[in-house]
Amino acid sequence: MSSLFEHLREGAGPVWHDYVRHPFVQALADGTLSRAAFSNFLVQDYLFLVQYARAYALLAYKLEDLPDIQAALETAKALIETEMPLHVKYCACWGIAEPEMRAAPPALELLAYTRYVLEVGFTGDALELLAALAPCIAGYAEIGAWAAAKTGPVNPYFDWIETYTGSAYLESVNASMAMIERIGATSGAEARLPRLQAIFTQATRLEAAFWNTGWALQS
C-alpha cells in the first residue's frame, strides 16, 4: 500500500510533472538559465521563506501532540535562524543584498501561493496544512536528485542544486513525510482523500507557477 504522500503525488498527475520538470528547473540543471532569471527567483524565494516560516508556526498551533508541536516550531525556527541566513549569504555571492530582497515587491505568483497555503492553514486542520506544505519540501528533494544527476561543478547553479541533495535537507524531508503519515493515520486521511488531493494538487500547481518569477526573465 502506498504512503499518503505517494498517493497524493500520483494523484496530482501531470501537475506534479509540470512542477518538477518546469522549464526553469531544466535550464537550472543544464546551466543555461540566465543570471537575471535566477537572481529574480532568489529575491522572491527570500520573501517566500518568510511566509513558509509563518506557515510552520501556524502548523504548530494546529497540532495537538507536544512532540509534533515542538517539531513544527523547530522547523519554523530553523527557517528563520538557519535557512534564511544561508540564503542571504548565498545571494550575496550573486550581488544581491538582504535589504534589497526585503524591500522587493512580492510577485503575484508568490502572493497567490503563500496566501493559499496560509488560508488552508487558517480554515483547515493540521493534516490539510501538511498537504499544502508537502509539495514544496518533497518536490525540491526530487528536483535536486534529478538535477544533480544531470549536472556537474561547472554549472553555475551547482551549489544551489547540491543544497537539496545534502543530508541536512533530506533529514528535514524525511521528518516532514513521517509527520504527514503519522497525522494522516490519526486524522482519518483515507476518508478525506478527495479534499486532501485537491489541496495538494492546487499547492503543486502554485509551486510550479512560482518558478515563473524567474522564468519570466529568461532571455
N, C-alpha and C. Protein backbone atom coordinates (compact mmCIF):
# COMPACT_ATOMS: atom_id res chain seq x y z
N MET A 1 0.84 -1.19 0.00
CA MET A 1 0.00 0.00 0.00
C MET A 1 0.88 1.25 0.00
N SER A 2 0.56 2.20 -0.86
CA SER A 2 1.38 3.39 -0.96
C SER A 2 1.16 4.31 0.23
N SER A 3 2.14 5.15 0.51
CA SER A 3 2.01 6.11 1.59
C SER A 3 1.03 7.20 1.18
N LEU A 4 0.60 7.99 2.14
CA LEU A 4 -0.30 9.10 1.84
C LEU A 4 0.35 10.06 0.86
N PHE A 5 1.62 10.40 1.11
CA PHE A 5 2.30 11.32 0.19
C PHE A 5 2.38 10.72 -1.22
N GLU A 6 2.76 9.48 -1.33
CA GLU A 6 2.86 8.85 -2.65
C GLU A 6 1.51 8.86 -3.36
N HIS A 7 0.45 8.62 -2.61
CA HIS A 7 -0.90 8.65 -3.18
C HIS A 7 -1.21 10.06 -3.71
N LEU A 8 -0.89 11.07 -2.93
CA LEU A 8 -1.17 12.45 -3.34
C LEU A 8 -0.30 12.86 -4.53
N ARG A 9 0.96 12.45 -4.50
CA ARG A 9 1.86 12.78 -5.61
C ARG A 9 1.36 12.16 -6.90
N GLU A 10 0.98 10.88 -6.84
CA GLU A 10 0.46 10.21 -8.03
C GLU A 10 -0.86 10.84 -8.47
N GLY A 11 -1.68 11.20 -7.51
CA GLY A 11 -2.97 11.79 -7.84
C GLY A 11 -2.87 13.15 -8.50
N ALA A 12 -1.76 13.84 -8.28
CA ALA A 12 -1.57 15.15 -8.91
C ALA A 12 -1.31 15.03 -10.41
N GLY A 13 -0.92 13.85 -10.86
CA GLY A 13 -0.74 13.58 -12.28
C GLY A 13 0.21 14.54 -12.97
N PRO A 14 -0.17 15.07 -14.14
CA PRO A 14 0.73 15.95 -14.90
C PRO A 14 1.07 17.24 -14.19
N VAL A 15 0.26 17.64 -13.22
CA VAL A 15 0.55 18.86 -12.47
C VAL A 15 1.87 18.71 -11.72
N TRP A 16 2.12 17.51 -11.18
CA TRP A 16 3.39 17.27 -10.49
C TRP A 16 4.56 17.33 -11.47
N HIS A 17 4.39 16.73 -12.63
CA HIS A 17 5.46 16.77 -13.64
C HIS A 17 5.73 18.21 -14.07
N ASP A 18 4.69 19.02 -14.24
CA ASP A 18 4.88 20.41 -14.63
C ASP A 18 5.69 21.18 -13.60
N TYR A 19 5.58 20.75 -12.36
CA TYR A 19 6.33 21.38 -11.26
C TYR A 19 7.79 20.94 -11.26
N VAL A 20 8.03 19.65 -11.20
CA VAL A 20 9.40 19.16 -11.03
C VAL A 20 10.21 19.18 -12.32
N ARG A 21 9.56 19.38 -13.47
CA ARG A 21 10.28 19.48 -14.74
C ARG A 21 9.95 20.78 -15.46
N HIS A 22 9.64 21.78 -14.69
CA HIS A 22 9.36 23.11 -15.25
C HIS A 22 10.57 23.56 -16.08
N PRO A 23 10.36 24.34 -17.14
CA PRO A 23 11.50 24.83 -17.94
C PRO A 23 12.57 25.53 -17.10
N PHE A 24 12.17 26.22 -16.05
CA PHE A 24 13.14 26.85 -15.15
C PHE A 24 14.05 25.79 -14.54
N VAL A 25 13.47 24.70 -14.09
CA VAL A 25 14.24 23.62 -13.46
C VAL A 25 15.18 22.99 -14.48
N GLN A 26 14.70 22.77 -15.67
CA GLN A 26 15.53 22.15 -16.71
C GLN A 26 16.70 23.06 -17.09
N ALA A 27 16.44 24.37 -17.20
CA ALA A 27 17.52 25.31 -17.52
C ALA A 27 18.50 25.42 -16.37
N LEU A 28 18.00 25.29 -15.15
CA LEU A 28 18.87 25.29 -13.97
C LEU A 28 19.80 24.09 -14.01
N ALA A 29 19.24 22.93 -14.35
CA ALA A 29 20.03 21.70 -14.36
C ALA A 29 21.09 21.69 -15.45
N ASP A 30 20.80 22.27 -16.60
CA ASP A 30 21.80 22.24 -17.67
C ASP A 30 22.65 23.52 -17.73
N GLY A 31 22.41 24.43 -16.79
CA GLY A 31 23.25 25.61 -16.68
C GLY A 31 22.95 26.71 -17.66
N THR A 32 21.84 26.62 -18.39
CA THR A 32 21.52 27.63 -19.40
C THR A 32 20.61 28.73 -18.87
N LEU A 33 20.21 28.64 -17.61
CA LEU A 33 19.35 29.66 -17.02
C LEU A 33 20.10 30.98 -16.96
N SER A 34 19.44 32.07 -17.33
CA SER A 34 20.11 33.37 -17.31
C SER A 34 20.31 33.85 -15.87
N ARG A 35 21.31 34.68 -15.70
CA ARG A 35 21.60 35.23 -14.38
C ARG A 35 20.42 36.07 -13.87
N ALA A 36 19.80 36.83 -14.77
CA ALA A 36 18.66 37.67 -14.37
C ALA A 36 17.51 36.83 -13.88
N ALA A 37 17.25 35.72 -14.56
CA ALA A 37 16.15 34.84 -14.17
C ALA A 37 16.41 34.24 -12.79
N PHE A 38 17.62 33.77 -12.58
CA PHE A 38 17.96 33.15 -11.30
C PHE A 38 17.95 34.17 -10.17
N SER A 39 18.49 35.36 -10.43
CA SER A 39 18.55 36.40 -9.40
C SER A 39 17.16 36.82 -8.96
N ASN A 40 16.26 36.97 -9.91
CA ASN A 40 14.90 37.37 -9.54
C ASN A 40 14.21 36.28 -8.72
N PHE A 41 14.46 35.03 -9.10
CA PHE A 41 13.91 33.93 -8.32
C PHE A 41 14.46 33.94 -6.89
N LEU A 42 15.75 34.20 -6.73
CA LEU A 42 16.35 34.22 -5.40
C LEU A 42 15.70 35.28 -4.51
N VAL A 43 15.41 36.43 -5.08
CA VAL A 43 14.77 37.50 -4.32
C VAL A 43 13.38 37.06 -3.85
N GLN A 44 12.61 36.50 -4.77
CA GLN A 44 11.26 36.06 -4.42
C GLN A 44 11.30 34.88 -3.45
N ASP A 45 12.33 34.05 -3.57
CA ASP A 45 12.45 32.91 -2.67
C ASP A 45 12.73 33.38 -1.24
N TYR A 46 13.45 34.48 -1.10
CA TYR A 46 13.67 35.06 0.23
C TYR A 46 12.33 35.44 0.85
N LEU A 47 11.50 36.11 0.07
CA LEU A 47 10.18 36.51 0.57
C LEU A 47 9.31 35.29 0.86
N PHE A 48 9.49 34.25 0.06
CA PHE A 48 8.74 33.03 0.28
C PHE A 48 9.12 32.39 1.61
N LEU A 49 10.40 32.37 1.94
CA LEU A 49 10.85 31.74 3.18
C LEU A 49 10.21 32.39 4.41
N VAL A 50 9.99 33.68 4.35
CA VAL A 50 9.33 34.37 5.46
C VAL A 50 7.93 33.79 5.67
N GLN A 51 7.19 33.64 4.56
CA GLN A 51 5.82 33.12 4.64
C GLN A 51 5.81 31.63 4.99
N TYR A 52 6.81 30.91 4.53
CA TYR A 52 6.91 29.48 4.83
C TYR A 52 7.12 29.26 6.32
N ALA A 53 7.93 30.12 6.93
CA ALA A 53 8.15 30.05 8.38
C ALA A 53 6.85 30.34 9.12
N ARG A 54 6.07 31.30 8.64
CA ARG A 54 4.77 31.61 9.25
C ARG A 54 3.85 30.39 9.16
N ALA A 55 3.89 29.70 8.03
CA ALA A 55 3.02 28.53 7.84
C ALA A 55 3.38 27.42 8.83
N TYR A 56 4.67 27.24 9.10
CA TYR A 56 5.06 26.21 10.07
C TYR A 56 4.72 26.63 11.50
N ALA A 57 4.77 27.93 11.77
CA ALA A 57 4.33 28.39 13.09
C ALA A 57 2.83 28.14 13.26
N LEU A 58 2.08 28.36 12.18
CA LEU A 58 0.65 28.07 12.20
C LEU A 58 0.40 26.58 12.36
N LEU A 59 1.23 25.77 11.71
CA LEU A 59 1.10 24.32 11.84
C LEU A 59 1.28 23.90 13.30
N ALA A 60 2.23 24.51 13.98
CA ALA A 60 2.45 24.19 15.40
C ALA A 60 1.18 24.43 16.20
N TYR A 61 0.50 25.52 15.89
CA TYR A 61 -0.76 25.83 16.60
C TYR A 61 -1.83 24.79 16.30
N LYS A 62 -1.85 24.29 15.08
CA LYS A 62 -2.89 23.34 14.66
C LYS A 62 -2.65 21.93 15.21
N LEU A 63 -1.42 21.60 15.51
CA LEU A 63 -1.10 20.27 16.01
C LEU A 63 -1.50 20.13 17.48
N GLU A 64 -1.62 18.88 17.93
CA GLU A 64 -2.08 18.64 19.30
C GLU A 64 -1.05 17.93 20.18
N ASP A 65 -0.27 17.01 19.60
CA ASP A 65 0.71 16.28 20.40
C ASP A 65 1.97 17.13 20.56
N LEU A 66 2.48 17.17 21.78
CA LEU A 66 3.62 18.03 22.10
C LEU A 66 4.83 17.78 21.21
N PRO A 67 5.23 16.51 20.95
CA PRO A 67 6.40 16.30 20.08
C PRO A 67 6.19 16.88 18.67
N ASP A 68 4.96 16.79 18.15
CA ASP A 68 4.68 17.35 16.83
C ASP A 68 4.71 18.88 16.86
N ILE A 69 4.16 19.45 17.92
CA ILE A 69 4.21 20.92 18.08
C ILE A 69 5.66 21.38 18.11
N GLN A 70 6.46 20.67 18.89
CA GLN A 70 7.89 21.03 19.00
C GLN A 70 8.59 20.91 17.65
N ALA A 71 8.28 19.86 16.89
CA ALA A 71 8.92 19.65 15.59
C ALA A 71 8.56 20.77 14.63
N ALA A 72 7.29 21.19 14.62
CA ALA A 72 6.87 22.27 13.73
C ALA A 72 7.54 23.59 14.12
N LEU A 73 7.62 23.85 15.42
CA LEU A 73 8.27 25.08 15.88
C LEU A 73 9.77 25.07 15.57
N GLU A 74 10.38 23.90 15.68
CA GLU A 74 11.81 23.79 15.35
C GLU A 74 12.05 24.05 13.86
N THR A 75 11.10 23.61 13.03
CA THR A 75 11.22 23.87 11.60
C THR A 75 11.11 25.36 11.33
N ALA A 76 10.13 26.00 11.95
CA ALA A 76 9.98 27.45 11.77
C ALA A 76 11.23 28.18 12.24
N LYS A 77 11.76 27.77 13.38
CA LYS A 77 12.97 28.40 13.92
C LYS A 77 14.16 28.17 12.99
N ALA A 78 14.28 26.94 12.45
CA ALA A 78 15.39 26.64 11.54
C ALA A 78 15.29 27.48 10.27
N LEU A 79 14.08 27.69 9.78
CA LEU A 79 13.90 28.52 8.59
C LEU A 79 14.37 29.95 8.85
N ILE A 80 14.05 30.47 10.02
CA ILE A 80 14.40 31.86 10.36
C ILE A 80 15.86 32.01 10.72
N GLU A 81 16.37 31.08 11.54
CA GLU A 81 17.71 31.24 12.10
C GLU A 81 18.81 30.56 11.30
N THR A 82 18.46 29.60 10.45
CA THR A 82 19.48 28.88 9.68
C THR A 82 19.29 29.05 8.18
N GLU A 83 18.09 28.69 7.70
CA GLU A 83 17.86 28.71 6.25
C GLU A 83 17.96 30.12 5.67
N MET A 84 17.34 31.07 6.31
CA MET A 84 17.35 32.43 5.76
C MET A 84 18.75 33.06 5.79
N PRO A 85 19.52 32.93 6.88
CA PRO A 85 20.89 33.45 6.84
C PRO A 85 21.74 32.79 5.74
N LEU A 86 21.55 31.49 5.55
CA LEU A 86 22.28 30.82 4.47
C LEU A 86 21.85 31.35 3.11
N HIS A 87 20.55 31.60 2.96
CA HIS A 87 20.03 32.15 1.71
C HIS A 87 20.62 33.55 1.46
N VAL A 88 20.66 34.35 2.52
CA VAL A 88 21.22 35.70 2.40
C VAL A 88 22.69 35.65 2.01
N LYS A 89 23.43 34.75 2.64
CA LYS A 89 24.85 34.59 2.33
C LYS A 89 25.05 34.15 0.88
N TYR A 90 24.23 33.21 0.43
CA TYR A 90 24.33 32.73 -0.94
C TYR A 90 23.99 33.84 -1.92
N CYS A 91 22.94 34.59 -1.62
CA CYS A 91 22.52 35.67 -2.52
C CYS A 91 23.59 36.76 -2.62
N ALA A 92 24.34 36.98 -1.53
CA ALA A 92 25.40 37.98 -1.56
C ALA A 92 26.45 37.63 -2.62
N CYS A 93 26.64 36.33 -2.85
CA CYS A 93 27.58 35.89 -3.88
C CYS A 93 27.10 36.26 -5.27
N TRP A 94 25.83 36.48 -5.41
CA TRP A 94 25.23 36.90 -6.69
C TRP A 94 24.98 38.40 -6.73
N GLY A 95 25.53 39.10 -5.74
CA GLY A 95 25.41 40.56 -5.72
C GLY A 95 24.07 41.07 -5.25
N ILE A 96 23.34 40.25 -4.49
CA ILE A 96 22.02 40.65 -4.01
C ILE A 96 22.07 40.79 -2.49
N ALA A 97 21.85 41.99 -1.99
CA ALA A 97 21.92 42.24 -0.55
C ALA A 97 20.55 42.03 0.09
N GLU A 98 20.56 41.70 1.39
CA GLU A 98 19.30 41.43 2.08
C GLU A 98 18.35 42.62 2.07
N PRO A 99 18.81 43.87 2.30
CA PRO A 99 17.85 44.99 2.24
C PRO A 99 17.12 45.07 0.90
N GLU A 100 17.81 44.74 -0.16
CA GLU A 100 17.18 44.74 -1.49
C GLU A 100 16.09 43.69 -1.56
N MET A 101 16.35 42.51 -1.01
CA MET A 101 15.35 41.45 -1.05
C MET A 101 14.17 41.79 -0.16
N ARG A 102 14.47 42.35 1.01
CA ARG A 102 13.40 42.67 1.95
C ARG A 102 12.46 43.73 1.39
N ALA A 103 13.01 44.64 0.58
CA ALA A 103 12.22 45.75 0.03
C ALA A 103 11.54 45.40 -1.29
N ALA A 104 11.86 44.24 -1.84
CA ALA A 104 11.31 43.88 -3.16
C ALA A 104 9.81 43.64 -3.08
N PRO A 105 9.07 44.08 -4.10
CA PRO A 105 7.63 43.79 -4.11
C PRO A 105 7.40 42.31 -4.37
N PRO A 106 6.49 41.68 -3.64
CA PRO A 106 6.21 40.26 -3.87
C PRO A 106 5.52 40.05 -5.21
N ALA A 107 5.96 39.03 -5.93
CA ALA A 107 5.35 38.70 -7.22
C ALA A 107 3.94 38.15 -7.00
N LEU A 108 3.11 38.28 -8.01
CA LEU A 108 1.75 37.76 -7.91
C LEU A 108 1.75 36.26 -7.65
N GLU A 109 2.70 35.56 -8.27
CA GLU A 109 2.79 34.11 -8.05
C GLU A 109 3.11 33.79 -6.60
N LEU A 110 3.96 34.60 -5.99
CA LEU A 110 4.30 34.41 -4.58
C LEU A 110 3.08 34.66 -3.70
N LEU A 111 2.38 35.74 -3.97
CA LEU A 111 1.21 36.07 -3.18
C LEU A 111 0.14 34.99 -3.28
N ALA A 112 -0.11 34.53 -4.51
CA ALA A 112 -1.13 33.50 -4.71
C ALA A 112 -0.77 32.22 -3.96
N TYR A 113 0.48 31.82 -4.06
CA TYR A 113 0.92 30.56 -3.45
C TYR A 113 0.89 30.63 -1.92
N THR A 114 1.55 31.62 -1.37
CA THR A 114 1.66 31.68 0.08
C THR A 114 0.33 31.99 0.75
N ARG A 115 -0.49 32.82 0.11
CA ARG A 115 -1.80 33.12 0.69
C ARG A 115 -2.68 31.87 0.66
N TYR A 116 -2.53 31.07 -0.37
CA TYR A 116 -3.32 29.83 -0.42
C TYR A 116 -2.93 28.89 0.71
N VAL A 117 -1.64 28.69 0.89
CA VAL A 117 -1.17 27.79 1.95
C VAL A 117 -1.63 28.29 3.32
N LEU A 118 -1.50 29.58 3.57
CA LEU A 118 -1.92 30.12 4.86
C LEU A 118 -3.44 30.03 5.04
N GLU A 119 -4.18 30.23 3.96
CA GLU A 119 -5.64 30.11 4.06
C GLU A 119 -6.05 28.68 4.41
N VAL A 120 -5.39 27.71 3.78
CA VAL A 120 -5.66 26.31 4.12
C VAL A 120 -5.37 26.08 5.61
N GLY A 121 -4.28 26.67 6.08
CA GLY A 121 -3.93 26.51 7.48
C GLY A 121 -4.92 27.15 8.43
N PHE A 122 -5.42 28.33 8.07
CA PHE A 122 -6.36 29.02 8.93
C PHE A 122 -7.72 28.33 8.96
N THR A 123 -8.16 27.82 7.82
CA THR A 123 -9.52 27.27 7.73
C THR A 123 -9.58 25.77 7.96
N GLY A 124 -8.47 25.06 7.77
CA GLY A 124 -8.46 23.62 7.91
C GLY A 124 -7.70 23.17 9.15
N ASP A 125 -7.44 21.88 9.22
CA ASP A 125 -6.71 21.33 10.36
C ASP A 125 -5.25 21.07 9.97
N ALA A 126 -4.52 20.45 10.86
CA ALA A 126 -3.09 20.23 10.64
C ALA A 126 -2.83 19.37 9.40
N LEU A 127 -3.64 18.34 9.20
CA LEU A 127 -3.42 17.46 8.05
C LEU A 127 -3.60 18.19 6.74
N GLU A 128 -4.59 19.05 6.66
CA GLU A 128 -4.80 19.81 5.44
C GLU A 128 -3.62 20.77 5.19
N LEU A 129 -3.13 21.39 6.23
CA LEU A 129 -1.97 22.28 6.08
C LEU A 129 -0.74 21.48 5.66
N LEU A 130 -0.56 20.31 6.22
CA LEU A 130 0.57 19.46 5.81
C LEU A 130 0.47 19.09 4.34
N ALA A 131 -0.75 18.86 3.85
CA ALA A 131 -0.94 18.54 2.43
C ALA A 131 -0.55 19.72 1.55
N ALA A 132 -0.78 20.93 2.04
CA ALA A 132 -0.42 22.13 1.29
C ALA A 132 1.08 22.41 1.33
N LEU A 133 1.73 22.00 2.42
CA LEU A 133 3.17 22.23 2.57
C LEU A 133 4.03 21.16 1.88
N ALA A 134 3.48 19.97 1.73
CA ALA A 134 4.26 18.83 1.23
C ALA A 134 4.88 19.02 -0.14
N PRO A 135 4.19 19.61 -1.13
CA PRO A 135 4.81 19.72 -2.46
C PRO A 135 6.13 20.46 -2.46
N CYS A 136 6.26 21.47 -1.61
CA CYS A 136 7.49 22.25 -1.60
C CYS A 136 8.67 21.43 -1.10
N ILE A 137 8.56 20.92 0.11
CA ILE A 137 9.72 20.26 0.71
C ILE A 137 10.07 18.97 -0.01
N ALA A 138 9.07 18.17 -0.39
CA ALA A 138 9.34 16.91 -1.07
C ALA A 138 9.75 17.14 -2.53
N GLY A 139 9.13 18.11 -3.17
CA GLY A 139 9.43 18.38 -4.56
C GLY A 139 10.86 18.85 -4.78
N TYR A 140 11.36 19.69 -3.88
CA TYR A 140 12.73 20.17 -4.03
C TYR A 140 13.75 19.04 -3.88
N ALA A 141 13.44 18.07 -3.04
CA ALA A 141 14.33 16.92 -2.91
C ALA A 141 14.35 16.12 -4.22
N GLU A 142 13.18 15.93 -4.82
CA GLU A 142 13.10 15.21 -6.09
C GLU A 142 13.81 15.98 -7.20
N ILE A 143 13.60 17.27 -7.22
CA ILE A 143 14.25 18.12 -8.22
C ILE A 143 15.77 18.10 -8.03
N GLY A 144 16.21 18.20 -6.78
CA GLY A 144 17.64 18.19 -6.50
C GLY A 144 18.30 16.91 -6.97
N ALA A 145 17.68 15.76 -6.70
CA ALA A 145 18.25 14.48 -7.12
C ALA A 145 18.31 14.37 -8.63
N TRP A 146 17.25 14.81 -9.29
CA TRP A 146 17.21 14.75 -10.76
C TRP A 146 18.25 15.69 -11.39
N ALA A 147 18.30 16.92 -10.89
CA ALA A 147 19.22 17.90 -11.45
C ALA A 147 20.68 17.52 -11.18
N ALA A 148 20.95 16.99 -9.99
CA ALA A 148 22.32 16.61 -9.63
C ALA A 148 22.84 15.51 -10.56
N ALA A 149 21.95 14.64 -10.99
CA ALA A 149 22.35 13.54 -11.88
C ALA A 149 22.65 14.03 -13.29
N LYS A 150 22.22 15.25 -13.62
CA LYS A 150 22.38 15.78 -14.97
C LYS A 150 23.46 16.85 -15.08
N THR A 151 24.04 17.26 -13.95
CA THR A 151 24.92 18.42 -13.98
C THR A 151 26.25 18.11 -13.32
N GLY A 152 27.07 19.16 -13.15
CA GLY A 152 28.38 19.00 -12.52
C GLY A 152 28.87 20.32 -11.99
N PRO A 153 30.06 20.35 -11.37
CA PRO A 153 30.59 21.56 -10.75
C PRO A 153 30.74 22.76 -11.69
N VAL A 154 30.82 22.52 -13.00
CA VAL A 154 30.97 23.65 -13.92
C VAL A 154 29.67 24.44 -14.06
N ASN A 155 28.57 23.85 -13.67
CA ASN A 155 27.28 24.53 -13.72
C ASN A 155 27.27 25.65 -12.69
N PRO A 156 26.97 26.89 -13.08
CA PRO A 156 26.97 27.99 -12.10
C PRO A 156 25.95 27.81 -10.98
N TYR A 157 24.99 26.90 -11.20
CA TYR A 157 23.95 26.68 -10.20
C TYR A 157 24.15 25.37 -9.43
N PHE A 158 25.35 24.83 -9.55
CA PHE A 158 25.65 23.54 -8.93
C PHE A 158 25.49 23.60 -7.40
N ASP A 159 25.96 24.66 -6.78
CA ASP A 159 25.87 24.78 -5.32
C ASP A 159 24.42 24.82 -4.87
N TRP A 160 23.58 25.52 -5.62
CA TRP A 160 22.16 25.59 -5.26
C TRP A 160 21.52 24.21 -5.35
N ILE A 161 21.83 23.49 -6.41
CA ILE A 161 21.29 22.14 -6.60
C ILE A 161 21.75 21.22 -5.47
N GLU A 162 23.03 21.33 -5.12
CA GLU A 162 23.59 20.46 -4.07
C GLU A 162 22.90 20.65 -2.72
N THR A 163 22.40 21.85 -2.48
CA THR A 163 21.72 22.12 -1.21
C THR A 163 20.58 21.13 -0.98
N TYR A 164 19.91 20.77 -2.06
CA TYR A 164 18.71 19.93 -1.93
C TYR A 164 19.00 18.44 -2.10
N THR A 165 20.29 18.11 -2.09
CA THR A 165 20.69 16.71 -2.07
C THR A 165 21.49 16.39 -0.80
N GLY A 166 21.73 17.40 0.02
CA GLY A 166 22.53 17.22 1.22
C GLY A 166 21.77 16.51 2.32
N SER A 167 22.52 15.95 3.26
CA SER A 167 21.92 15.16 4.34
C SER A 167 21.00 15.99 5.22
N ALA A 168 21.37 17.25 5.48
CA ALA A 168 20.55 18.09 6.35
C ALA A 168 19.17 18.31 5.74
N TYR A 169 19.15 18.59 4.44
CA TYR A 169 17.85 18.82 3.79
C TYR A 169 17.04 17.54 3.73
N LEU A 170 17.69 16.45 3.38
CA LEU A 170 16.96 15.18 3.27
C LEU A 170 16.42 14.71 4.61
N GLU A 171 17.12 15.03 5.68
CA GLU A 171 16.60 14.70 7.02
C GLU A 171 15.31 15.47 7.30
N SER A 172 15.27 16.74 6.88
CA SER A 172 14.06 17.54 7.09
C SER A 172 12.92 17.01 6.24
N VAL A 173 13.24 16.53 5.05
CA VAL A 173 12.20 15.94 4.18
C VAL A 173 11.64 14.69 4.83
N ASN A 174 12.52 13.83 5.30
CA ASN A 174 12.07 12.58 5.93
C ASN A 174 11.21 12.86 7.16
N ALA A 175 11.58 13.87 7.93
CA ALA A 175 10.81 14.21 9.12
C ALA A 175 9.42 14.72 8.74
N SER A 176 9.36 15.53 7.69
CA SER A 176 8.07 16.06 7.24
C SER A 176 7.18 14.97 6.68
N MET A 177 7.78 14.05 5.91
CA MET A 177 7.00 12.96 5.35
C MET A 177 6.49 12.03 6.45
N ALA A 178 7.32 11.82 7.47
CA ALA A 178 6.89 10.98 8.60
C ALA A 178 5.74 11.64 9.34
N MET A 179 5.78 12.96 9.45
CA MET A 179 4.71 13.66 10.15
C MET A 179 3.39 13.56 9.40
N ILE A 180 3.41 13.76 8.09
CA ILE A 180 2.15 13.71 7.34
C ILE A 180 1.55 12.30 7.38
N GLU A 181 2.42 11.28 7.40
CA GLU A 181 1.91 9.91 7.50
C GLU A 181 1.33 9.67 8.90
N ARG A 182 2.00 10.18 9.91
CA ARG A 182 1.56 9.97 11.29
C ARG A 182 0.25 10.70 11.57
N ILE A 183 0.18 11.96 11.15
CA ILE A 183 -1.05 12.74 11.36
C ILE A 183 -2.18 12.18 10.51
N GLY A 184 -1.84 11.74 9.30
CA GLY A 184 -2.85 11.16 8.43
C GLY A 184 -3.47 9.91 9.03
N ALA A 185 -2.65 9.11 9.68
CA ALA A 185 -3.13 7.86 10.27
C ALA A 185 -4.09 8.10 11.43
N THR A 186 -3.96 9.23 12.08
CA THR A 186 -4.82 9.51 13.25
C THR A 186 -5.91 10.53 12.94
N SER A 187 -5.95 11.02 11.71
CA SER A 187 -6.92 12.06 11.36
C SER A 187 -7.87 11.64 10.23
N GLY A 188 -7.97 10.34 10.02
CA GLY A 188 -8.92 9.85 9.02
C GLY A 188 -8.59 10.22 7.60
N ALA A 189 -7.31 10.14 7.22
CA ALA A 189 -6.89 10.58 5.90
C ALA A 189 -7.60 9.85 4.78
N GLU A 190 -7.82 8.56 4.95
CA GLU A 190 -8.42 7.77 3.87
C GLU A 190 -9.80 8.29 3.49
N ALA A 191 -10.59 8.66 4.47
CA ALA A 191 -11.93 9.16 4.21
C ALA A 191 -11.92 10.59 3.68
N ARG A 192 -10.77 11.26 3.78
CA ARG A 192 -10.67 12.67 3.39
C ARG A 192 -9.83 12.87 2.14
N LEU A 193 -9.53 11.80 1.44
CA LEU A 193 -8.61 11.89 0.31
C LEU A 193 -9.02 12.90 -0.76
N PRO A 194 -10.30 13.00 -1.14
CA PRO A 194 -10.64 13.98 -2.18
C PRO A 194 -10.24 15.41 -1.79
N ARG A 195 -10.52 15.79 -0.55
CA ARG A 195 -10.16 17.13 -0.08
C ARG A 195 -8.64 17.30 0.00
N LEU A 196 -7.96 16.31 0.55
CA LEU A 196 -6.51 16.38 0.66
C LEU A 196 -5.86 16.43 -0.72
N GLN A 197 -6.41 15.66 -1.66
CA GLN A 197 -5.86 15.67 -3.02
C GLN A 197 -6.04 17.02 -3.68
N ALA A 198 -7.21 17.62 -3.48
CA ALA A 198 -7.47 18.94 -4.07
C ALA A 198 -6.48 19.97 -3.54
N ILE A 199 -6.22 19.92 -2.24
CA ILE A 199 -5.26 20.86 -1.63
C ILE A 199 -3.86 20.61 -2.17
N PHE A 200 -3.44 19.37 -2.16
CA PHE A 200 -2.09 19.02 -2.61
C PHE A 200 -1.88 19.43 -4.07
N THR A 201 -2.84 19.12 -4.91
CA THR A 201 -2.71 19.42 -6.34
C THR A 201 -2.67 20.93 -6.59
N GLN A 202 -3.52 21.66 -5.87
CA GLN A 202 -3.52 23.12 -6.04
C GLN A 202 -2.21 23.72 -5.55
N ALA A 203 -1.70 23.25 -4.44
CA ALA A 203 -0.42 23.75 -3.94
C ALA A 203 0.70 23.43 -4.92
N THR A 204 0.64 22.25 -5.53
CA THR A 204 1.64 21.87 -6.53
C THR A 204 1.55 22.79 -7.75
N ARG A 205 0.35 23.08 -8.18
CA ARG A 205 0.14 23.98 -9.33
C ARG A 205 0.71 25.37 -9.03
N LEU A 206 0.49 25.85 -7.82
CA LEU A 206 1.00 27.17 -7.44
C LEU A 206 2.51 27.15 -7.26
N GLU A 207 3.05 26.02 -6.80
CA GLU A 207 4.51 25.87 -6.68
C GLU A 207 5.15 25.92 -8.06
N ALA A 208 4.53 25.26 -9.03
CA ALA A 208 5.04 25.29 -10.41
C ALA A 208 5.02 26.71 -10.95
N ALA A 209 3.93 27.44 -10.67
CA ALA A 209 3.82 28.82 -11.15
C ALA A 209 4.88 29.72 -10.51
N PHE A 210 5.31 29.37 -9.30
CA PHE A 210 6.31 30.18 -8.61
C PHE A 210 7.64 30.21 -9.37
N TRP A 211 7.95 29.14 -10.11
CA TRP A 211 9.17 29.15 -10.93
C TRP A 211 9.13 30.30 -11.94
N ASN A 212 7.93 30.73 -12.31
CA ASN A 212 7.81 31.77 -13.33
C ASN A 212 8.32 33.13 -12.83
N THR A 213 8.50 33.27 -11.51
CA THR A 213 9.08 34.52 -11.01
C THR A 213 10.51 34.69 -11.55
N GLY A 214 11.13 33.58 -11.87
CA GLY A 214 12.44 33.65 -12.52
C GLY A 214 12.33 33.46 -14.02
N TRP A 215 11.54 32.48 -14.43
CA TRP A 215 11.49 32.11 -15.85
C TRP A 215 11.00 33.26 -16.73
N ALA A 216 10.18 34.15 -16.18
CA ALA A 216 9.67 35.28 -16.95
C ALA A 216 10.79 36.20 -17.43
N LEU A 217 11.95 36.12 -16.77
CA LEU A 217 13.08 36.99 -17.14
C LEU A 217 14.11 36.24 -17.99
N GLN A 218 13.82 34.98 -18.32
CA GLN A 218 14.78 34.22 -19.13
C GLN A 218 14.91 34.86 -20.50
N SER A 219 16.16 35.08 -20.93
CA SER A 219 16.40 35.73 -22.22
C SER A 219 16.95 34.74 -23.22
